[in-house]
Amino acid sequence: MKNRFTLIKEIRSLIDEVADSLPVDNISGARDLLRHGEWGLAFELICTQLYEYEVLIFPELYERIERLGQQMKISPDEWEMLRELIKTP
């Protein structure tokens, strides 16, 4: 697993990247979880809400989410459903 400060930075960056695509409450909740050391829950919340709101994502974002989930040793079940939301040309 990567250094925890690097992971926190990457999760914060992910939250910032999707902030305009999700309700403010979801973004605030993810940021609160991150502040309280619950990085996995913050990551899972973002993935779940992207799926629930059917936010279309670019392949690069999916790959980033997948890589981050793997680095955190989170079950692929938490992000694989996002594959169906990947924008295709």
PDB file of N, CA and C in Angstrom:
ATOM      1  N   MET A   1       0.850  -1.184   0.000  1.00  0.00           N
ATOM      2  CA  MET A   1       0.000   0.000   0.000  1.00  0.00           C
ATOM      3  C   MET A   1       0.890   1.241   0.000  1.00  0.00           C
ATOM      4  N   LYS A   2       0.440   2.248  -0.714  1.00  0.00           N
ATOM      5  CA  LYS A   2       1.181   3.505  -0.760  1.00  0.00           C
ATOM      6  C   LYS A   2       1.183   4.165   0.610  1.00  0.00           C
ATOM      7  N   ASN A   3       2.078   5.090   0.753  1.00  0.00           N
ATOM      8  CA  ASN A   3       2.156   5.936   1.936  1.00  0.00           C
ATOM      9  C   ASN A   3       0.783   6.581   2.168  1.00  0.00           C
ATOM     10  N   ARG A   4       0.349   6.641   3.394  1.00  0.00           N
ATOM     11  CA  ARG A   4      -1.010   7.127   3.697  1.00  0.00           C
ATOM     12  C   ARG A   4      -1.225   8.576   3.281  1.00  0.00           C
ATOM     13  N   PHE A   5      -0.181   9.398   3.343  1.00  0.00           N
ATOM     14  CA  PHE A   5      -0.332  10.798   2.939  1.00  0.00           C
ATOM     15  C   PHE A   5      -0.564  10.898   1.435  1.00  0.00           C
ATOM     16  N   THR A   6       0.097  10.033   0.675  1.00  0.00           N
ATOM     17  CA  THR A   6      -0.109   9.998  -0.772  1.00  0.00           C
ATOM     18  C   THR A   6      -1.528   9.541  -1.091  1.00  0.00           C
ATOM     19  N   LEU A   7      -2.003   8.526  -0.374  1.00  0.00           N
ATOM     20  CA  LEU A   7      -3.373   8.040  -0.591  1.00  0.00           C
ATOM     21  C   LEU A   7      -4.397   9.121  -0.265  1.00  0.00           C
ATOM     22  N   ILE A   8      -4.202   9.790   0.837  1.00  0.00           N
ATOM     23  CA  ILE A   8      -5.129  10.852   1.229  1.00  0.00           C
ATOM     24  C   ILE A   8      -5.152  11.941   0.161  1.00  0.00           C
ATOM     25  N   LYS A   9      -3.983  12.302  -0.328  1.00  0.00           N
ATOM     26  CA  LYS A   9      -3.886  13.316  -1.375  1.00  0.00           C
ATOM     27  C   LYS A   9      -4.622  12.867  -2.642  1.00  0.00           C
ATOM     28  N   GLU A  10      -4.454  11.607  -3.023  1.00  0.00           N
ATOM     29  CA  GLU A  10      -5.106  11.079  -4.224  1.00  0.00           C
ATOM     30  C   GLU A  10      -6.625  11.005  -4.054  1.00  0.00           C
ATOM     31  N   ILE A  11      -7.086  10.615  -2.881  1.00  0.00           N
ATOM     32  CA  ILE A  11      -8.531  10.565  -2.636  1.00  0.00           C
ATOM     33  C   ILE A  11      -9.097  11.984  -2.645  1.00  0.00           C
ATOM     34  N   ARG A  12      -8.395  12.910  -2.015  1.00  0.00           N
ATOM     35  CA  ARG A  12      -8.837  14.317  -2.013  1.00  0.00           C
ATOM     36  C   ARG A  12      -8.933  14.838  -3.453  1.00  0.00           C
ATOM     37  N   SER A  13      -7.960  14.495  -4.269  1.00  0.00           N
ATOM     38  CA  SER A  13      -7.950  14.909  -5.672  1.00  0.00           C
ATOM     39  C   SER A  13      -9.137  14.290  -6.429  1.00  0.00           C
ATOM     40  N   LEU A  14      -9.428  13.031  -6.154  1.00  0.00           N
ATOM     41  CA  LEU A  14     -10.574  12.365  -6.779  1.00  0.00           C
ATOM     42  C   LEU A  14     -11.875  13.065  -6.383  1.00  0.00           C
ATOM     43  N   ILE A  15     -12.021  13.362  -5.106  1.00  0.00           N
ATOM     44  CA  ILE A  15     -13.223  14.056  -4.622  1.00  0.00           C
ATOM     45  C   ILE A  15     -13.365  15.406  -5.328  1.00  0.00           C
ATOM     46  N   ASP A  16     -12.262  16.136  -5.423  1.00  0.00           N
ATOM     47  CA  ASP A  16     -12.294  17.445  -6.091  1.00  0.00           C
ATOM     48  C   ASP A  16     -12.692  17.302  -7.562  1.00  0.00           C
ATOM     49  N   GLU A  17     -12.193  16.257  -8.201  1.00  0.00           N
ATOM     50  CA  GLU A  17     -12.471  16.056  -9.624  1.00  0.00           C
ATOM     51  C   GLU A  17     -13.942  15.782  -9.901  1.00  0.00           C
ATOM     52  N   VAL A  18     -14.621  15.087  -9.001  1.00  0.00           N
ATOM     53  CA  VAL A  18     -16.026  14.733  -9.243  1.00  0.00           C
ATOM     54  C   VAL A  18     -16.996  15.667  -8.515  1.00  0.00           C
ATOM     55  N   ALA A  19     -16.470  16.664  -7.835  1.00  0.00           N
ATOM     56  CA  ALA A  19     -17.303  17.542  -6.999  1.00  0.00           C
ATOM     57  C   ALA A  19     -18.451  18.199  -7.762  1.00  0.00           C
ATOM     58  N   ASP A  20     -18.228  18.559  -9.021  1.00  0.00           N
ATOM     59  CA  ASP A  20     -19.290  19.213  -9.792  1.00  0.00           C
ATOM     60  C   ASP A  20     -20.340  18.235 -10.304  1.00  0.00           C
ATOM     61  N   SER A  21     -20.070  16.944 -10.183  1.00  0.00           N
ATOM     62  CA  SER A  21     -20.981  15.927 -10.721  1.00  0.00           C
ATOM     63  C   SER A  21     -21.899  15.305  -9.680  1.00  0.00           C
ATOM     64  N   LEU A  22     -21.641  15.587  -8.411  1.00  0.00           N
ATOM     65  CA  LEU A  22     -22.423  14.976  -7.327  1.00  0.00           C
ATOM     66  C   LEU A  22     -22.998  16.050  -6.411  1.00  0.00           C
ATOM     67  N   PRO A  23     -24.072  15.710  -5.683  1.00  0.00           N
ATOM     68  CA  PRO A  23     -24.643  16.667  -4.733  1.00  0.00           C
ATOM     69  C   PRO A  23     -23.623  17.098  -3.667  1.00  0.00           C
ATOM     70  N   VAL A  24     -23.760  18.323  -3.238  1.00  0.00           N
ATOM     71  CA  VAL A  24     -22.857  18.905  -2.240  1.00  0.00           C
ATOM     72  C   VAL A  24     -22.791  18.033  -0.986  1.00  0.00           C
ATOM     73  N   ASP A  25     -23.912  17.474  -0.561  1.00  0.00           N
ATOM     74  CA  ASP A  25     -23.926  16.631   0.645  1.00  0.00           C
ATOM     75  C   ASP A  25     -22.995  15.428   0.508  1.00  0.00           C
ATOM     76  N   ASN A  26     -22.985  14.822  -0.683  1.00  0.00           N
ATOM     77  CA  ASN A  26     -22.105  13.675  -0.905  1.00  0.00           C
ATOM     78  C   ASN A  26     -20.639  14.075  -0.851  1.00  0.00           C
ATOM     79  N   ILE A  27     -20.323  15.204  -1.466  1.00  0.00           N
ATOM     80  CA  ILE A  27     -18.940  15.683  -1.471  1.00  0.00           C
ATOM     81  C   ILE A  27     -18.514  16.059  -0.054  1.00  0.00           C
ATOM     82  N   SER A  28     -19.377  16.753   0.667  1.00  0.00           N
ATOM     83  CA  SER A  28     -19.071  17.121   2.057  1.00  0.00           C
ATOM     84  C   SER A  28     -18.881  15.880   2.910  1.00  0.00           C
ATOM     85  N   GLY A  29     -19.739  14.897   2.719  1.00  0.00           N
ATOM     86  CA  GLY A  29     -19.631  13.654   3.476  1.00  0.00           C
ATOM     87  C   GLY A  29     -18.321  12.937   3.208  1.00  0.00           C
ATOM     88  N   ALA A  30     -17.925  12.884   1.944  1.00  0.00           N
ATOM     89  CA  ALA A  30     -16.659  12.227   1.586  1.00  0.00           C
ATOM     90  C   ALA A  30     -15.479  12.983   2.198  1.00  0.00           C
ATOM     91  N   ARG A  31     -15.530  14.303   2.143  1.00  0.00           N
ATOM     92  CA  ARG A  31     -14.444  15.105   2.731  1.00  0.00           C
ATOM     93  C   ARG A  31     -14.381  14.925   4.247  1.00  0.00           C
ATOM     94  N   ASP A  32     -15.539  14.851   4.901  1.00  0.00           N
ATOM     95  CA  ASP A  32     -15.574  14.617   6.347  1.00  0.00           C
ATOM     96  C   ASP A  32     -14.974  13.250   6.689  1.00  0.00           C
ATOM     97  N   LEU A  33     -15.357  12.241   5.926  1.00  0.00           N
ATOM     98  CA  LEU A  33     -14.803  10.908   6.166  1.00  0.00           C
ATOM     99  C   LEU A  33     -13.286  10.924   6.020  1.00  0.00           C
ATOM    100  N   LEU A  34     -12.810  11.601   4.993  1.00  0.00           N
ATOM    101  CA  LEU A  34     -11.372  11.685   4.758  1.00  0.00           C
ATOM    102  C   LEU A  34     -10.671  12.389   5.916  1.00  0.00           C
ATOM    103  N   ARG A  35     -11.265  13.470   6.382  1.00  0.00           N
ATOM    104  CA  ARG A  35     -10.690  14.218   7.524  1.00  0.00           C
ATOM    105  C   ARG A  35     -10.599  13.362   8.783  1.00  0.00           C
ATOM    106  N   HIS A  36     -11.531  12.430   8.926  1.00  0.00           N
ATOM    107  CA  HIS A  36     -11.565  11.577  10.118  1.00  0.00           C
ATOM    108  C   HIS A  36     -10.830  10.252   9.908  1.00  0.00           C
ATOM    109  N   GLY A  37     -10.021  10.180   8.863  1.00  0.00           N
ATOM    110  CA  GLY A  37      -9.204   8.994   8.637  1.00  0.00           C
ATOM    111  C   GLY A  37      -9.930   7.818   8.022  1.00  0.00           C
ATOM    112  N   GLU A  38     -11.128   8.037   7.538  1.00  0.00           N
ATOM    113  CA  GLU A  38     -11.923   6.963   6.928  1.00  0.00           C
ATOM    114  C   GLU A  38     -11.790   7.025   5.410  1.00  0.00           C
ATOM    115  N   TRP A  39     -10.548   6.821   4.912  1.00  0.00           N
ATOM    116  CA  TRP A  39     -10.290   6.976   3.480  1.00  0.00           C
ATOM    117  C   TRP A  39     -11.064   5.960   2.657  1.00  0.00           C
ATOM    118  N   GLY A  40     -11.114   4.731   3.134  1.00  0.00           N
ATOM    119  CA  GLY A  40     -11.832   3.691   2.398  1.00  0.00           C
ATOM    120  C   GLY A  40     -13.309   4.030   2.253  1.00  0.00           C
ATOM    121  N   LEU A  41     -13.903   4.515   3.332  1.00  0.00           N
ATOM    122  CA  LEU A  41     -15.325   4.882   3.276  1.00  0.00           C
ATOM    123  C   LEU A  41     -15.546   6.088   2.360  1.00  0.00           C
ATOM    124  N   ALA A  42     -14.614   7.029   2.366  1.00  0.00           N
ATOM    125  CA  ALA A  42     -14.714   8.187   1.480  1.00  0.00           C
ATOM    126  C   ALA A  42     -14.664   7.722   0.022  1.00  0.00           C
ATOM    127  N   PHE A  43     -13.739   6.837  -0.275  1.00  0.00           N
ATOM    128  CA  PHE A  43     -13.599   6.281  -1.623  1.00  0.00           C
ATOM    129  C   PHE A  43     -14.869   5.539  -2.029  1.00  0.00           C
ATOM    130  N   GLU A  44     -15.364   4.679  -1.148  1.00  0.00           N
ATOM    131  CA  GLU A  44     -16.568   3.906  -1.441  1.00  0.00           C
ATOM    132  C   GLU A  44     -17.780   4.807  -1.641  1.00  0.00           C
ATOM    133  N   LEU A  45     -17.896   5.867  -0.845  1.00  0.00           N
ATOM    134  CA  LEU A  45     -19.008   6.808  -0.988  1.00  0.00           C
ATOM    135  C   LEU A  45     -18.982   7.449  -2.365  1.00  0.00           C
ATOM    136  N   ILE A  46     -17.820   7.901  -2.793  1.00  0.00           N
ATOM    137  CA  ILE A  46     -17.709   8.537  -4.105  1.00  0.00           C
ATOM    138  C   ILE A  46     -18.087   7.547  -5.208  1.00  0.00           C
ATOM    139  N   CYS A  47     -17.566   6.347  -5.146  1.00  0.00           N
ATOM    140  CA  CYS A  47     -17.886   5.336  -6.162  1.00  0.00           C
ATOM    141  C   CYS A  47     -19.379   5.033  -6.196  1.00  0.00           C
ATOM    142  N   THR A  48     -19.960   4.837  -5.032  1.00  0.00           N
ATOM    143  CA  THR A  48     -21.391   4.522  -4.943  1.00  0.00           C
ATOM    144  C   THR A  48     -22.237   5.650  -5.506  1.00  0.00           C
ATOM    145  N   GLN A  49     -21.898   6.879  -5.167  1.00  0.00           N
ATOM    146  CA  GLN A  49     -22.709   8.003  -5.622  1.00  0.00           C
ATOM    147  C   GLN A  49     -22.535   8.264  -7.118  1.00  0.00           C
ATOM    148  N   LEU A  50     -21.340   8.068  -7.638  1.00  0.00           N
ATOM    149  CA  LEU A  50     -21.158   8.188  -9.091  1.00  0.00           C
ATOM    150  C   LEU A  50     -22.076   7.199  -9.799  1.00  0.00           C
ATOM    151  N   TYR A  51     -22.161   5.996  -9.256  1.00  0.00           N
ATOM    152  CA  TYR A  51     -23.021   4.969  -9.850  1.00  0.00           C
ATOM    153  C   TYR A  51     -24.500   5.307  -9.665  1.00  0.00           C
ATOM    154  N   GLU A  52     -24.879   5.680  -8.473  1.00  0.00           N
ATOM    155  CA  GLU A  52     -26.288   5.988  -8.183  1.00  0.00           C
ATOM    156  C   GLU A  52     -26.810   7.138  -9.043  1.00  0.00           C
ATOM    157  N   TYR A  53     -25.978   8.137  -9.275  1.00  0.00           N
ATOM    158  CA  TYR A  53     -26.391   9.296 -10.073  1.00  0.00           C
ATOM    159  C   TYR A  53     -26.065   9.115 -11.559  1.00  0.00           C
ATOM    160  N   GLU A  54     -25.579   7.915 -11.894  1.00  0.00           N
ATOM    161  CA  GLU A  54     -25.269   7.566 -13.284  1.00  0.00           C
ATOM    162  C   GLU A  54     -24.413   8.634 -13.963  1.00  0.00           C
ATOM    163  N   VAL A  55     -23.362   9.041 -13.265  1.00  0.00           N
ATOM    164  CA  VAL A  55     -22.442  10.043 -13.789  1.00  0.00           C
ATOM    165  C   VAL A  55     -21.524   9.375 -14.812  1.00  0.00           C
ATOM    166  N   LEU A  56     -21.571   9.856 -16.037  1.00  0.00           N
ATOM    167  CA  LEU A  56     -20.686   9.316 -17.064  1.00  0.00           C
ATOM    168  C   LEU A  56     -19.260   9.752 -16.764  1.00  0.00           C
ATOM    169  N   ILE A  57     -18.333   8.813 -16.910  1.00  0.00           N
ATOM    170  CA  ILE A  57     -16.939   9.105 -16.596  1.00  0.00           C
ATOM    171  C   ILE A  57     -16.049   8.746 -17.782  1.00  0.00           C
ATOM    172  N   PHE A  58     -14.918   9.410 -17.866  1.00  0.00           N
ATOM    173  CA  PHE A  58     -13.941   9.106 -18.902  1.00  0.00           C
ATOM    174  C   PHE A  58     -13.154   7.869 -18.501  1.00  0.00           C
ATOM    175  N   PRO A  59     -12.632   7.131 -19.493  1.00  0.00           N
ATOM    176  CA  PRO A  59     -11.840   5.934 -19.179  1.00  0.00           C
ATOM    177  C   PRO A  59     -10.676   6.226 -18.234  1.00  0.00           C
ATOM    178  N   GLU A  60     -10.058   7.392 -18.370  1.00  0.00           N
ATOM    179  CA  GLU A  60      -8.929   7.742 -17.514  1.00  0.00           C
ATOM    180  C   GLU A  60      -9.345   7.848 -16.039  1.00  0.00           C
ATOM    181  N   LEU A  61     -10.537   8.380 -15.802  1.00  0.00           N
ATOM    182  CA  LEU A  61     -11.021   8.477 -14.425  1.00  0.00           C
ATOM    183  C   LEU A  61     -11.299   7.084 -13.868  1.00  0.00           C
ATOM    184  N   TYR A  62     -11.903   6.226 -14.675  1.00  0.00           N
ATOM    185  CA  TYR A  62     -12.155   4.857 -14.218  1.00  0.00           C
ATOM    186  C   TYR A  62     -10.835   4.176 -13.851  1.00  0.00           C
ATOM    187  N   GLU A  63      -9.828   4.314 -14.723  1.00  0.00           N
ATOM    188  CA  GLU A  63      -8.526   3.685 -14.458  1.00  0.00           C
ATOM    189  C   GLU A  63      -7.904   4.227 -13.174  1.00  0.00           C
ATOM    190  N   ARG A  64      -8.069   5.507 -12.952  1.00  0.00           N
ATOM    191  CA  ARG A  64      -7.549   6.124 -11.725  1.00  0.00           C
ATOM    192  C   ARG A  64      -8.262   5.561 -10.493  1.00  0.00           C
ATOM    193  N   ILE A  65      -9.586   5.457 -10.573  1.00  0.00           N
ATOM    194  CA  ILE A  65     -10.375   4.898  -9.471  1.00  0.00           C
ATOM    195  C   ILE A  65      -9.960   3.449  -9.218  1.00  0.00           C
ATOM    196  N   GLU A  66      -9.831   2.685 -10.278  1.00  0.00           N
ATOM    197  CA  GLU A  66      -9.443   1.280 -10.157  1.00  0.00           C
ATOM    198  C   GLU A  66      -8.062   1.152  -9.504  1.00  0.00           C
ATOM    199  N   ARG A  67      -7.109   1.928  -9.974  1.00  0.00           N
ATOM    200  CA  ARG A  67      -5.751   1.887  -9.431  1.00  0.00           C
ATOM    201  C   ARG A  67      -5.748   2.264  -7.942  1.00  0.00           C
ATOM    202  N   LEU A  68      -6.493   3.305  -7.599  1.00  0.00           N
ATOM    203  CA  LEU A  68      -6.571   3.747  -6.214  1.00  0.00           C
ATOM    204  C   LEU A  68      -7.211   2.675  -5.331  1.00  0.00           C
ATOM    205  N   GLY A  69      -8.304   2.083  -5.806  1.00  0.00           N
ATOM    206  CA  GLY A  69      -8.953   1.007  -5.055  1.00  0.00           C
ATOM    207  C   GLY A  69      -8.025  -0.174  -4.823  1.00  0.00           C
ATOM    208  N   GLN A  70      -7.264  -0.533  -5.856  1.00  0.00           N
ATOM    209  CA  GLN A  70      -6.316  -1.646  -5.720  1.00  0.00           C
ATOM    210  C   GLN A  70      -5.217  -1.303  -4.715  1.00  0.00           C
ATOM    211  N   GLN A  71      -4.723  -0.064  -4.769  1.00  0.00           N
ATOM    212  CA  GLN A  71      -3.675   0.342  -3.841  1.00  0.00           C
ATOM    213  C   GLN A  71      -4.168   0.309  -2.398  1.00  0.00           C
ATOM    214  N   MET A  72      -5.448   0.593  -2.210  1.00  0.00           N
ATOM    215  CA  MET A  72      -6.020   0.597  -0.862  1.00  0.00           C
ATOM    216  C   MET A  72      -6.506  -0.788  -0.443  1.00  0.00           C
ATOM    217  N   LYS A  73      -6.387  -1.738  -1.375  1.00  0.00           N
ATOM    218  CA  LYS A  73      -6.821  -3.120  -1.119  1.00  0.00           C
ATOM    219  C   LYS A  73      -8.322  -3.202  -0.814  1.00  0.00           C
ATOM    220  N   ILE A  74      -9.080  -2.398  -1.554  1.00  0.00           N
ATOM    221  CA  ILE A  74     -10.535  -2.403  -1.432  1.00  0.00           C
ATOM    222  C   ILE A  74     -11.089  -3.381  -2.460  1.00  0.00           C
ATOM    223  N   SER A  75     -12.155  -4.058  -2.103  1.00  0.00           N
ATOM    224  CA  SER A  75     -12.770  -5.022  -3.010  1.00  0.00           C
ATOM    225  C   SER A  75     -13.166  -4.353  -4.326  1.00  0.00           C
ATOM    226  N   PRO A  76     -12.839  -4.985  -5.447  1.00  0.00           N
ATOM    227  CA  PRO A  76     -13.231  -4.445  -6.751  1.00  0.00           C
ATOM    228  C   PRO A  76     -14.745  -4.244  -6.890  1.00  0.00           C
ATOM    229  N   ASP A  77     -15.522  -4.929  -6.077  1.00  0.00           N
ATOM    230  CA  ASP A  77     -16.982  -4.745  -6.108  1.00  0.00           C
ATOM    231  C   ASP A  77     -17.368  -3.295  -5.847  1.00  0.00           C
ATOM    232  N   GLU A  78     -16.492  -2.551  -5.196  1.00  0.00           N
ATOM    233  CA  GLU A  78     -16.791  -1.158  -4.849  1.00  0.00           C
ATOM    234  C   GLU A  78     -16.673  -0.209  -6.040  1.00  0.00           C
ATOM    235  N   TRP A  79     -15.945  -0.600  -7.072  1.00  0.00           N
ATOM    236  CA  TRP A  79     -15.789   0.305  -8.216  1.00  0.00           C
ATOM    237  C   TRP A  79     -16.100  -0.315  -9.574  1.00  0.00           C
ATOM    238  N   GLU A  80     -16.125  -1.637  -9.692  1.00  0.00           N
ATOM    239  CA  GLU A  80     -16.305  -2.252 -11.004  1.00  0.00           C
ATOM    240  C   GLU A  80     -17.624  -1.888 -11.676  1.00  0.00           C
ATOM    241  N   MET A  81     -18.649  -1.569 -10.916  1.00  0.00           N
ATOM    242  CA  MET A  81     -19.936  -1.199 -11.504  1.00  0.00           C
ATOM    243  C   MET A  81     -19.824   0.099 -12.299  1.00  0.00           C
ATOM    244  N   LEU A  82     -18.782   0.882 -12.010  1.00  0.00           N
ATOM    245  CA  LEU A  82     -18.583   2.153 -12.732  1.00  0.00           C
ATOM    246  C   LEU A  82     -18.174   1.923 -14.181  1.00  0.00           C
ATOM    247  N   ARG A  83     -17.723   0.729 -14.468  1.00  0.00           N
ATOM    248  CA  ARG A  83     -17.302   0.401 -15.833  1.00  0.00           C
ATOM    249  C   ARG A  83     -18.435   0.676 -16.840  1.00  0.00           C
ATOM    250  N   GLU A  84     -19.673   0.424 -16.429  1.00  0.00           N
ATOM    251  CA  GLU A  84     -20.796   0.648 -17.355  1.00  0.00           C
ATOM    252  C   GLU A  84     -21.097   2.124 -17.576  1.00  0.00           C
ATOM    253  N   LEU A  85     -20.462   3.001 -16.803  1.00  0.00           N
ATOM    254  CA  LEU A  85     -20.685   4.445 -16.949  1.00  0.00           C
ATOM    255  C   LEU A  85     -19.575   5.141 -17.745  1.00  0.00           C
ATOM    256  N   ILE A  86     -18.636   4.340 -18.272  1.00  0.00           N
ATOM    257  CA  ILE A  86     -17.536   4.927 -19.025  1.00  0.00           C
ATOM    258  C   ILE A  86     -18.064   5.475 -20.343  1.00  0.00           C
ATOM    259  N   LYS A  87     -17.697   6.724 -20.617  1.00  0.00           N
ATOM    260  CA  LYS A  87     -18.076   7.363 -21.879  1.00  0.00           C
ATOM    261  C   LYS A  87     -17.308   6.704 -22.997  1.00  0.00           C
ATOM    262  N   THR A  88     -18.025   6.386 -24.057  1.00  0.00           N
ATOM    263  CA  THR A  88     -17.365   5.827 -25.234  1.00  0.00           C
ATOM    264  C   THR A  88     -17.484   6.832 -26.388  1.00  0.00           C
ATOM    265  N   PRO A  89     -16.456   6.886 -27.211  1.00  0.00           N
ATOM    266  CA  PRO A  89     -16.481   7.863 -28.319  1.00  0.00           C
ATOM    267  C   PRO A  89     -17.572   7.575 -29.328  1.00  0.00           C
TER     268      PRO A  89
END
